[in-house]
PDB file of N, CA and C in Angstrom:
ATOM      1  N   MET A   1     -27.831  52.194  49.817  1.00  0.00           N
ATOM      2  CA  MET A   1     -27.815  53.486  50.435  1.00  0.00           C
ATOM      3  C   MET A   1     -26.920  54.392  49.581  1.00  0.00           C
ATOM      4  N   GLU A   2     -27.471  55.488  49.198  1.00  0.00           N
ATOM      5  CA  GLU A   2     -26.717  56.409  48.362  1.00  0.00           C
ATOM      6  C   GLU A   2     -26.172  57.604  49.157  1.00  0.00           C
ATOM      7  N   ARG A   3     -26.870  57.931  50.252  1.00  0.00           N
ATOM      8  CA  ARG A   3     -26.469  59.080  51.050  1.00  0.00           C
ATOM      9  C   ARG A   3     -26.591  58.765  52.530  1.00  0.00           C
ATOM     10  N   CYS A   4     -25.811  59.449  53.330  1.00  0.00           N
ATOM     11  CA  CYS A   4     -25.893  59.321  54.785  1.00  0.00           C
ATOM     12  C   CYS A   4     -27.252  59.866  55.230  1.00  0.00           C
ATOM     13  N   PRO A   5     -28.013  59.106  56.011  1.00  0.00           N
ATOM     14  CA  PRO A   5     -29.320  59.594  56.457  1.00  0.00           C
ATOM     15  C   PRO A   5     -29.227  60.733  57.463  1.00  0.00           C
ATOM     16  N   THR A   6     -28.063  60.951  58.050  1.00  0.00           N
ATOM     17  CA  THR A   6     -27.897  62.009  59.046  1.00  0.00           C
ATOM     18  C   THR A   6     -27.540  63.344  58.409  1.00  0.00           C
ATOM     19  N   CYS A   7     -26.513  63.350  57.559  1.00  0.00           N
ATOM     20  CA  CYS A   7     -26.032  64.626  57.015  1.00  0.00           C
ATOM     21  C   CYS A   7     -26.197  64.757  55.507  1.00  0.00           C
ATOM     22  N   ASN A   8     -26.683  63.696  54.856  1.00  0.00           N
ATOM     23  CA  ASN A   8     -26.930  63.688  53.417  1.00  0.00           C
ATOM     24  C   ASN A   8     -25.650  63.689  52.566  1.00  0.00           C
ATOM     25  N   ALA A   9     -24.530  63.350  53.189  1.00  0.00           N
ATOM     26  CA  ALA A   9     -23.279  63.249  52.423  1.00  0.00           C
ATOM     27  C   ALA A   9     -23.352  62.018  51.534  1.00  0.00           C
ATOM     28  N   LYS A  10     -22.677  62.064  50.397  1.00  0.00           N
ATOM     29  CA  LYS A  10     -22.655  60.915  49.494  1.00  0.00           C
ATOM     30  C   LYS A  10     -22.003  59.731  50.203  1.00  0.00           C
ATOM     31  N   TYR A  11     -22.671  58.565  50.098  1.00  0.00           N
ATOM     32  CA  TYR A  11     -22.181  57.353  50.751  1.00  0.00           C
ATOM     33  C   TYR A  11     -20.978  56.836  49.984  1.00  0.00           C
ATOM     34  N   ALA A  12     -19.862  56.658  50.711  1.00  0.00           N
ATOM     35  CA  ALA A  12     -18.620  56.237  50.076  1.00  0.00           C
ATOM     36  C   ALA A  12     -18.331  54.749  50.270  1.00  0.00           C
ATOM     37  N   GLY A  13     -19.264  54.017  50.873  1.00  0.00           N
ATOM     38  CA  GLY A  13     -19.060  52.588  51.070  1.00  0.00           C
ATOM     39  C   GLY A  13     -18.402  52.236  52.390  1.00  0.00           C
ATOM     40  N   ASN A  14     -18.099  53.223  53.203  1.00  0.00           N
ATOM     41  CA  ASN A  14     -17.476  52.973  54.503  1.00  0.00           C
ATOM     42  C   ASN A  14     -18.549  52.765  55.565  1.00  0.00           C
ATOM     43  N   ARG A  15     -18.168  52.137  56.651  1.00  0.00           N
ATOM     44  CA  ARG A  15     -19.117  51.872  57.729  1.00  0.00           C
ATOM     45  C   ARG A  15     -19.354  53.102  58.602  1.00  0.00           C
ATOM     46  N   VAL A  16     -18.553  54.140  58.423  1.00  0.00           N
ATOM     47  CA  VAL A  16     -18.720  55.391  59.166  1.00  0.00           C
ATOM     48  C   VAL A  16     -18.735  56.530  58.150  1.00  0.00           C
ATOM     49  N   CYS A  17     -19.692  57.432  58.295  1.00  0.00           N
ATOM     50  CA  CYS A  17     -19.793  58.569  57.378  1.00  0.00           C
ATOM     51  C   CYS A  17     -18.542  59.429  57.476  1.00  0.00           C
ATOM     52  N   HIS A  18     -18.000  59.788  56.341  1.00  0.00           N
ATOM     53  CA  HIS A  18     -16.778  60.590  56.329  1.00  0.00           C
ATOM     54  C   HIS A  18     -17.018  62.017  56.824  1.00  0.00           C
ATOM     55  N   ARG A  19     -18.247  62.500  56.739  1.00  0.00           N
ATOM     56  CA  ARG A  19     -18.531  63.869  57.150  1.00  0.00           C
ATOM     57  C   ARG A  19     -18.949  63.976  58.620  1.00  0.00           C
ATOM     58  N   CYS A  20     -19.982  63.223  59.010  1.00  0.00           N
ATOM     59  CA  CYS A  20     -20.544  63.411  60.357  1.00  0.00           C
ATOM     60  C   CYS A  20     -20.185  62.288  61.333  1.00  0.00           C
ATOM     61  N   LYS A  21     -19.504  61.282  60.838  1.00  0.00           N
ATOM     62  CA  LYS A  21     -19.049  60.145  61.651  1.00  0.00           C
ATOM     63  C   LYS A  21     -20.180  59.263  62.190  1.00  0.00           C
ATOM     64  N   THR A  22     -21.353  59.313  61.544  1.00  0.00           N
ATOM     65  CA  THR A  22     -22.446  58.421  61.909  1.00  0.00           C
ATOM     66  C   THR A  22     -22.081  56.993  61.541  1.00  0.00           C
ATOM     67  N   ASP A  23     -22.392  56.049  62.429  1.00  0.00           N
ATOM     68  CA  ASP A  23     -22.155  54.633  62.154  1.00  0.00           C
ATOM     69  C   ASP A  23     -23.198  54.151  61.154  1.00  0.00           C
ATOM     70  N   LEU A  24     -22.767  53.850  59.946  1.00  0.00           N
ATOM     71  CA  LEU A  24     -23.654  53.382  58.886  1.00  0.00           C
ATOM     72  C   LEU A  24     -23.604  51.874  58.724  1.00  0.00           C
ATOM     73  N   GLY A  25     -22.848  51.208  59.569  1.00  0.00           N
ATOM     74  CA  GLY A  25     -22.661  49.768  59.455  1.00  0.00           C
ATOM     75  C   GLY A  25     -23.943  48.980  59.583  1.00  0.00           C
ATOM     76  N   VAL A  26     -24.796  49.359  60.524  1.00  0.00           N
ATOM     77  CA  VAL A  26     -26.049  48.629  60.722  1.00  0.00           C
ATOM     78  C   VAL A  26     -26.926  48.742  59.477  1.00  0.00           C
ATOM     79  N   LEU A  27     -27.012  49.940  58.906  1.00  0.00           N
ATOM     80  CA  LEU A  27     -27.819  50.119  57.690  1.00  0.00           C
ATOM     81  C   LEU A  27     -27.251  49.318  56.520  1.00  0.00           C
ATOM     82  N   ALA A  28     -25.941  49.321  56.393  1.00  0.00           N
ATOM     83  CA  ALA A  28     -25.300  48.551  55.329  1.00  0.00           C
ATOM     84  C   ALA A  28     -25.569  47.051  55.518  1.00  0.00           C
ATOM     85  N   ASP A  29     -25.527  46.591  56.772  1.00  0.00           N
ATOM     86  CA  ASP A  29     -25.797  45.180  57.049  1.00  0.00           C
ATOM     87  C   ASP A  29     -27.234  44.813  56.696  1.00  0.00           C
ATOM     88  N   ILE A  30     -28.173  45.697  56.998  1.00  0.00           N
ATOM     89  CA  ILE A  30     -29.580  45.450  56.672  1.00  0.00           C
ATOM     90  C   ILE A  30     -29.761  45.349  55.162  1.00  0.00           C
ATOM     91  N   GLU A  31     -29.137  46.246  54.424  1.00  0.00           N
ATOM     92  CA  GLU A  31     -29.231  46.194  52.960  1.00  0.00           C
ATOM     93  C   GLU A  31     -28.630  44.899  52.420  1.00  0.00           C
ATOM     94  N   ASN A  32     -27.511  44.482  52.982  1.00  0.00           N
ATOM     95  CA  ASN A  32     -26.891  43.220  52.544  1.00  0.00           C
ATOM     96  C   ASN A  32     -27.788  42.026  52.855  1.00  0.00           C
ATOM     97  N   ASP A  33     -28.390  42.018  54.040  1.00  0.00           N
ATOM     98  CA  ASP A  33     -29.303  40.935  54.404  1.00  0.00           C
ATOM     99  C   ASP A  33     -30.502  40.885  53.453  1.00  0.00           C
ATOM    100  N   ALA A  34     -31.035  42.047  53.115  1.00  0.00           N
ATOM    101  CA  ALA A  34     -32.171  42.103  52.193  1.00  0.00           C
ATOM    102  C   ALA A  34     -31.779  41.521  50.840  1.00  0.00           C
ATOM    103  N   GLN A  35     -30.600  41.857  50.351  1.00  0.00           N
ATOM    104  CA  GLN A  35     -30.127  41.317  49.069  1.00  0.00           C
ATOM    105  C   GLN A  35     -29.939  39.805  49.139  1.00  0.00           C
ATOM    106  N   GLU A  36     -29.430  39.311  50.271  1.00  0.00           N
ATOM    107  CA  GLU A  36     -29.238  37.865  50.423  1.00  0.00           C
ATOM    108  C   GLU A  36     -30.581  37.134  50.406  1.00  0.00           C
ATOM    109  N   HIS A  37     -31.582  37.695  51.088  1.00  0.00           N
ATOM    110  CA  HIS A  37     -32.901  37.060  51.094  1.00  0.00           C
ATOM    111  C   HIS A  37     -33.532  37.097  49.700  1.00  0.00           C
ATOM    112  N   LEU A  38     -33.314  38.174  48.975  1.00  0.00           N
ATOM    113  CA  LEU A  38     -33.833  38.260  47.615  1.00  0.00           C
ATOM    114  C   LEU A  38     -33.191  37.190  46.733  1.00  0.00           C
ATOM    115  N   LYS A  39     -31.908  36.995  46.876  1.00  0.00           N
ATOM    116  CA  LYS A  39     -31.194  35.955  46.116  1.00  0.00           C
ATOM    117  C   LYS A  39     -31.711  34.568  46.492  1.00  0.00           C
ATOM    118  N   LYS A  40     -31.939  34.341  47.796  1.00  0.00           N
ATOM    119  CA  LYS A  40     -32.466  33.047  48.238  1.00  0.00           C
ATOM    120  C   LYS A  40     -33.878  32.818  47.694  1.00  0.00           C
ATOM    121  N   ALA A  41     -34.661  33.878  47.587  1.00  0.00           N
ATOM    122  CA  ALA A  41     -36.008  33.759  47.004  1.00  0.00           C
ATOM    123  C   ALA A  41     -35.909  33.363  45.532  1.00  0.00           C
ATOM    124  N   GLN A  42     -34.969  33.959  44.813  1.00  0.00           N
ATOM    125  CA  GLN A  42     -34.771  33.613  43.406  1.00  0.00           C
ATOM    126  C   GLN A  42     -34.327  32.157  43.265  1.00  0.00           C
ATOM    127  N   ASP A  43     -33.430  31.722  44.140  1.00  0.00           N
ATOM    128  CA  ASP A  43     -32.960  30.337  44.109  1.00  0.00           C
ATOM    129  C   ASP A  43     -34.096  29.359  44.426  1.00  0.00           C
ATOM    130  N   ALA A  44     -34.935  29.732  45.398  1.00  0.00           N
ATOM    131  CA  ALA A  44     -36.067  28.878  45.762  1.00  0.00           C
ATOM    132  C   ALA A  44     -37.057  28.776  44.598  1.00  0.00           C
ATOM    133  N   PHE A  45     -37.248  29.866  43.887  1.00  0.00           N
ATOM    134  CA  PHE A  45     -38.122  29.825  42.715  1.00  0.00           C
ATOM    135  C   PHE A  45     -37.562  28.863  41.671  1.00  0.00           C
ATOM    136  N   ALA A  46     -36.260  28.950  41.442  1.00  0.00           N
ATOM    137  CA  ALA A  46     -35.625  28.082  40.447  1.00  0.00           C
ATOM    138  C   ALA A  46     -35.774  26.612  40.813  1.00  0.00           C
ATOM    139  N   SER A  47     -35.794  26.320  42.107  1.00  0.00           N
ATOM    140  CA  SER A  47     -35.942  24.921  42.536  1.00  0.00           C
ATOM    141  C   SER A  47     -37.397  24.555  42.852  1.00  0.00           C
ATOM    142  N   LYS A  48     -38.319  25.472  42.525  1.00  0.00           N
ATOM    143  CA  LYS A  48     -39.764  25.260  42.696  1.00  0.00           C
ATOM    144  C   LYS A  48     -40.175  25.041  44.156  1.00  0.00           C
ATOM    145  N   ASP A  49     -39.430  25.638  45.075  1.00  0.00           N
ATOM    146  CA  ASP A  49     -39.768  25.598  46.497  1.00  0.00           C
ATOM    147  C   ASP A  49     -40.455  26.922  46.838  1.00  0.00           C
ATOM    148  N   PHE A  50     -41.746  26.991  46.533  1.00  0.00           N
ATOM    149  CA  PHE A  50     -42.470  28.258  46.604  1.00  0.00           C
ATOM    150  C   PHE A  50     -42.697  28.745  48.032  1.00  0.00           C
ATOM    151  N   ARG A  51     -42.769  27.843  49.000  1.00  0.00           N
ATOM    152  CA  ARG A  51     -42.891  28.259  50.410  1.00  0.00           C
ATOM    153  C   ARG A  51     -41.628  28.991  50.851  1.00  0.00           C
ATOM    154  N   GLN A  52     -40.475  28.448  50.478  1.00  0.00           N
ATOM    155  CA  GLN A  52     -39.212  29.118  50.821  1.00  0.00           C
ATOM    156  C   GLN A  52     -39.074  30.435  50.054  1.00  0.00           C
ATOM    157  N   MET A  53     -39.516  30.436  48.819  1.00  0.00           N
ATOM    158  CA  MET A  53     -39.503  31.669  48.022  1.00  0.00           C
ATOM    159  C   MET A  53     -40.320  32.749  48.722  1.00  0.00           C
ATOM    160  N   PHE A  54     -41.515  32.368  49.189  1.00  0.00           N
ATOM    161  CA  PHE A  54     -42.391  33.307  49.879  1.00  0.00           C
ATOM    162  C   PHE A  54     -41.729  33.821  51.156  1.00  0.00           C
ATOM    163  N   PHE A  55     -41.150  32.913  51.940  1.00  0.00           N
ATOM    164  CA  PHE A  55     -40.486  33.302  53.183  1.00  0.00           C
ATOM    165  C   PHE A  55     -39.379  34.325  52.922  1.00  0.00           C
ATOM    166  N   HIS A  56     -38.504  34.015  51.973  1.00  0.00           N
ATOM    167  CA  HIS A  56     -37.357  34.893  51.718  1.00  0.00           C
ATOM    168  C   HIS A  56     -37.787  36.206  51.053  1.00  0.00           C
ATOM    169  N   ALA A  57     -38.774  36.153  50.183  1.00  0.00           N
ATOM    170  CA  ALA A  57     -39.260  37.388  49.546  1.00  0.00           C
ATOM    171  C   ALA A  57     -39.902  38.298  50.585  1.00  0.00           C
ATOM    172  N   LYS A  58     -40.655  37.712  51.507  1.00  0.00           N
ATOM    173  CA  LYS A  58     -41.286  38.505  52.559  1.00  0.00           C
ATOM    174  C   LYS A  58     -40.226  39.126  53.467  1.00  0.00           C
ATOM    175  N   ARG A  59     -39.202  38.373  53.775  1.00  0.00           N
ATOM    176  CA  ARG A  59     -38.119  38.875  54.623  1.00  0.00           C
ATOM    177  C   ARG A  59     -37.351  39.989  53.907  1.00  0.00           C
ATOM    178  N   ALA A  60     -37.045  39.801  52.639  1.00  0.00           N
ATOM    179  CA  ALA A  60     -36.330  40.835  51.872  1.00  0.00           C
ATOM    180  C   ALA A  60     -37.132  42.122  51.830  1.00  0.00           C
ATOM    181  N   CYS A  61     -38.432  41.984  51.623  1.00  0.00           N
ATOM    182  CA  CYS A  61     -39.308  43.151  51.535  1.00  0.00           C
ATOM    183  C   CYS A  61     -39.421  43.859  52.881  1.00  0.00           C
ATOM    184  N   SER A  62     -39.398  43.101  53.961  1.00  0.00           N
ATOM    185  CA  SER A  62     -39.499  43.725  55.277  1.00  0.00           C
ATOM    186  C   SER A  62     -38.212  44.442  55.657  1.00  0.00           C
ATOM    187  N   LEU A  63     -37.095  43.970  55.163  1.00  0.00           N
ATOM    188  CA  LEU A  63     -35.821  44.625  55.464  1.00  0.00           C
ATOM    189  C   LEU A  63     -35.603  45.873  54.617  1.00  0.00           C
ATOM    190  N   ARG A  64     -35.936  45.773  53.337  1.00  0.00           N
ATOM    191  CA  ARG A  64     -35.768  46.929  52.444  1.00  0.00           C
ATOM    192  C   ARG A  64     -36.745  46.788  51.284  1.00  0.00           C
ATOM    193  N   ARG A  65     -37.750  47.635  51.294  1.00  0.00           N
ATOM    194  CA  ARG A  65     -38.783  47.567  50.261  1.00  0.00           C
ATOM    195  C   ARG A  65     -38.274  48.254  48.996  1.00  0.00           C
ATOM    196  N   THR A  66     -37.982  47.441  48.006  1.00  0.00           N
ATOM    197  CA  THR A  66     -37.568  47.933  46.697  1.00  0.00           C
ATOM    198  C   THR A  66     -38.576  47.415  45.679  1.00  0.00           C
ATOM    199  N   PRO A  67     -38.616  47.990  44.490  1.00  0.00           N
ATOM    200  CA  PRO A  67     -39.511  47.447  43.461  1.00  0.00           C
ATOM    201  C   PRO A  67     -39.229  45.972  43.165  1.00  0.00           C
ATOM    202  N   GLU A  68     -37.971  45.593  43.166  1.00  0.00           N
ATOM    203  CA  GLU A  68     -37.603  44.205  42.891  1.00  0.00           C
ATOM    204  C   GLU A  68     -38.120  43.280  44.002  1.00  0.00           C
ATOM    205  N   ALA A  69     -37.952  43.689  45.251  1.00  0.00           N
ATOM    206  CA  ALA A  69     -38.418  42.871  46.380  1.00  0.00           C
ATOM    207  C   ALA A  69     -39.940  42.796  46.398  1.00  0.00           C
ATOM    208  N   SER A  70     -40.615  43.902  46.109  1.00  0.00           N
ATOM    209  CA  SER A  70     -42.079  43.906  46.081  1.00  0.00           C
ATOM    210  C   SER A  70     -42.610  43.014  44.962  1.00  0.00           C
ATOM    211  N   GLY A  71     -41.974  43.065  43.815  1.00  0.00           N
ATOM    212  CA  GLY A  71     -42.375  42.212  42.696  1.00  0.00           C
ATOM    213  C   GLY A  71     -42.173  40.741  43.012  1.00  0.00           C
ATOM    214  N   MET A  72     -41.056  40.429  43.654  1.00  0.00           N
ATOM    215  CA  MET A  72     -40.777  39.041  44.039  1.00  0.00           C
ATOM    216  C   MET A  72     -41.813  38.560  45.050  1.00  0.00           C
ATOM    217  N   LEU A  73     -42.160  39.424  46.005  1.00  0.00           N
ATOM    218  CA  LEU A  73     -43.158  39.043  47.004  1.00  0.00           C
ATOM    219  C   LEU A  73     -44.532  38.871  46.367  1.00  0.00           C
ATOM    220  N   ALA A  74     -44.872  39.710  45.422  1.00  0.00           N
ATOM    221  CA  ALA A  74     -46.156  39.565  44.729  1.00  0.00           C
ATOM    222  C   ALA A  74     -46.230  38.220  44.008  1.00  0.00           C
ATOM    223  N   CYS A  75     -45.169  37.861  43.302  1.00  0.00           N
ATOM    224  CA  CYS A  75     -45.143  36.580  42.577  1.00  0.00           C
ATOM    225  C   CYS A  75     -45.164  35.401  43.543  1.00  0.00           C
ATOM    226  N   ALA A  76     -44.373  35.489  44.613  1.00  0.00           N
ATOM    227  CA  ALA A  76     -44.337  34.404  45.593  1.00  0.00           C
ATOM    228  C   ALA A  76     -45.690  34.241  46.263  1.00  0.00           C
ATOM    229  N   SER A  77     -46.352  35.346  46.532  1.00  0.00           N
ATOM    230  CA  SER A  77     -47.679  35.297  47.158  1.00  0.00           C
ATOM    231  C   SER A  77     -48.680  34.576  46.267  1.00  0.00           C
ATOM    232  N   LEU A  78     -48.617  34.834  44.980  1.00  0.00           N
ATOM    233  CA  LEU A  78     -49.489  34.121  44.045  1.00  0.00           C
ATOM    234  C   LEU A  78     -49.229  32.618  44.073  1.00  0.00           C
ATOM    235  N   LEU A  79     -47.958  32.262  44.119  1.00  0.00           N
ATOM    236  CA  LEU A  79     -47.585  30.846  44.049  1.00  0.00           C
ATOM    237  C   LEU A  79     -47.957  30.060  45.305  1.00  0.00           C
ATOM    238  N   VAL A  80     -48.155  30.764  46.435  1.00  0.00           N
ATOM    239  CA  VAL A  80     -48.579  30.078  47.661  1.00  0.00           C
ATOM    240  C   VAL A  80     -50.032  30.403  47.998  1.00  0.00           C
ATOM    241  N   SER A  81     -50.748  30.922  47.008  1.00  0.00           N
ATOM    242  CA  SER A  81     -52.188  31.225  47.123  1.00  0.00           C
ATOM    243  C   SER A  81     -52.518  32.272  48.180  1.00  0.00           C
ATOM    244  N   ARG A  82     -51.634  33.237  48.350  1.00  0.00           N
ATOM    245  CA  ARG A  82     -51.908  34.380  49.221  1.00  0.00           C
ATOM    246  C   ARG A  82     -52.298  35.547  48.319  1.00  0.00           C
ATOM    247  N   PHE A  83     -53.480  35.445  47.735  1.00  0.00           N
ATOM    248  CA  PHE A  83     -53.924  36.378  46.712  1.00  0.00           C
ATOM    249  C   PHE A  83     -54.107  37.793  47.251  1.00  0.00           C
ATOM    250  N   ASP A  84     -54.532  37.920  48.514  1.00  0.00           N
ATOM    251  CA  ASP A  84     -54.699  39.241  49.115  1.00  0.00           C
ATOM    252  C   ASP A  84     -53.371  39.987  49.180  1.00  0.00           C
ATOM    253  N   LEU A  85     -52.323  39.294  49.611  1.00  0.00           N
ATOM    254  CA  LEU A  85     -51.002  39.904  49.692  1.00  0.00           C
ATOM    255  C   LEU A  85     -50.435  40.172  48.297  1.00  0.00           C
ATOM    256  N   ALA A  86     -50.682  39.274  47.372  1.00  0.00           N
ATOM    257  CA  ALA A  86     -50.209  39.460  45.995  1.00  0.00           C
ATOM    258  C   ALA A  86     -50.815  40.720  45.392  1.00  0.00           C
ATOM    259  N   LEU A  87     -52.115  40.890  45.584  1.00  0.00           N
ATOM    260  CA  LEU A  87     -52.794  42.067  45.057  1.00  0.00           C
ATOM    261  C   LEU A  87     -52.289  43.343  45.720  1.00  0.00           C
ATOM    262  N   SER A  88     -52.103  43.283  47.018  1.00  0.00           N
ATOM    263  CA  SER A  88     -51.606  44.437  47.756  1.00  0.00           C
ATOM    264  C   SER A  88     -50.213  44.852  47.276  1.00  0.00           C
ATOM    265  N   GLN A  89     -49.321  43.879  47.127  1.00  0.00           N
ATOM    266  CA  GLN A  89     -47.952  44.172  46.671  1.00  0.00           C
ATOM    267  C   GLN A  89     -47.951  44.700  45.247  1.00  0.00           C
ATOM    268  N   TRP A  90     -48.746  44.072  44.389  1.00  0.00           N
ATOM    269  CA  TRP A  90     -48.788  44.502  42.989  1.00  0.00           C
ATOM    270  C   TRP A  90     -49.367  45.904  42.873  1.00  0.00           C
ATOM    271  N   SER A  91     -50.418  46.187  43.641  1.00  0.00           N
ATOM    272  CA  SER A  91     -51.025  47.529  43.612  1.00  0.00           C
ATOM    273  C   SER A  91     -50.028  48.563  44.093  1.00  0.00           C
ATOM    274  N   SER A  92     -49.318  48.249  45.137  1.00  0.00           N
ATOM    275  CA  SER A  92     -48.301  49.167  45.663  1.00  0.00           C
ATOM    276  C   SER A  92     -47.180  49.382  44.644  1.00  0.00           C
ATOM    277  N   LEU A  93     -46.788  48.325  44.001  1.00  0.00           N
ATOM    278  CA  LEU A  93     -45.704  48.390  43.014  1.00  0.00           C
ATOM    279  C   LEU A  93     -46.096  49.228  41.807  1.00  0.00           C
ATOM    280  N   THR A  94     -47.283  49.001  41.276  1.00  0.00           N
ATOM    281  CA  THR A  94     -47.707  49.721  40.077  1.00  0.00           C
ATOM    282  C   THR A  94     -48.129  51.157  40.376  1.00  0.00           C
ATOM    283  N   ALA A  95     -48.516  51.445  41.608  1.00  0.00           N
ATOM    284  CA  ALA A  95     -48.900  52.808  41.973  1.00  0.00           C
ATOM    285  C   ALA A  95     -47.695  53.745  41.988  1.00  0.00           C
ATOM    286  N   HIS A  96     -46.504  53.185  42.261  1.00  0.00           N
ATOM    287  CA  HIS A  96     -45.304  54.003  42.359  1.00  0.00           C
ATOM    288  C   HIS A  96     -44.424  53.955  41.129  1.00  0.00           C
ATOM    289  N   SER A  97     -44.799  53.180  40.135  1.00  0.00           N
ATOM    290  CA  SER A  97     -43.973  53.091  38.938  1.00  0.00           C
ATOM    291  C   SER A  97     -44.361  54.180  37.938  1.00  0.00           C
ATOM    292  N   PRO A  98     -43.366  54.774  37.280  1.00  0.00           N
ATOM    293  CA  PRO A  98     -43.673  55.814  36.284  1.00  0.00           C
ATOM    294  C   PRO A  98     -44.309  55.205  35.038  1.00  0.00           C
ATOM    295  N   ASP A  99     -45.222  55.928  34.447  1.00  0.00           N
ATOM    296  CA  ASP A  99     -45.894  55.446  33.230  1.00  0.00           C
ATOM    297  C   ASP A  99     -45.156  55.839  31.984  1.00  0.00           C
TER     298      ASP A  99
END
């Protein structure tokens, strides 16, 4: 999160916005959870546990859709033979990337 979603103030890393006093803790927790699931997906890939990779990549993507999470989900989908989801994620990823 780079800015407060309420007042657009620059995010300073605190759980409460310095300008409008909005509680940003829940959003920060969601971002942290998404990063943890992405890391677990990477670890599962390294240990060749593709079902766990798919689970964690899907969870990371559902919490916070980033290009990295979408790419991980596309790869995990291929590895567990979910070709429809792999194609969907890859199409979404490449449609939004600059050429």
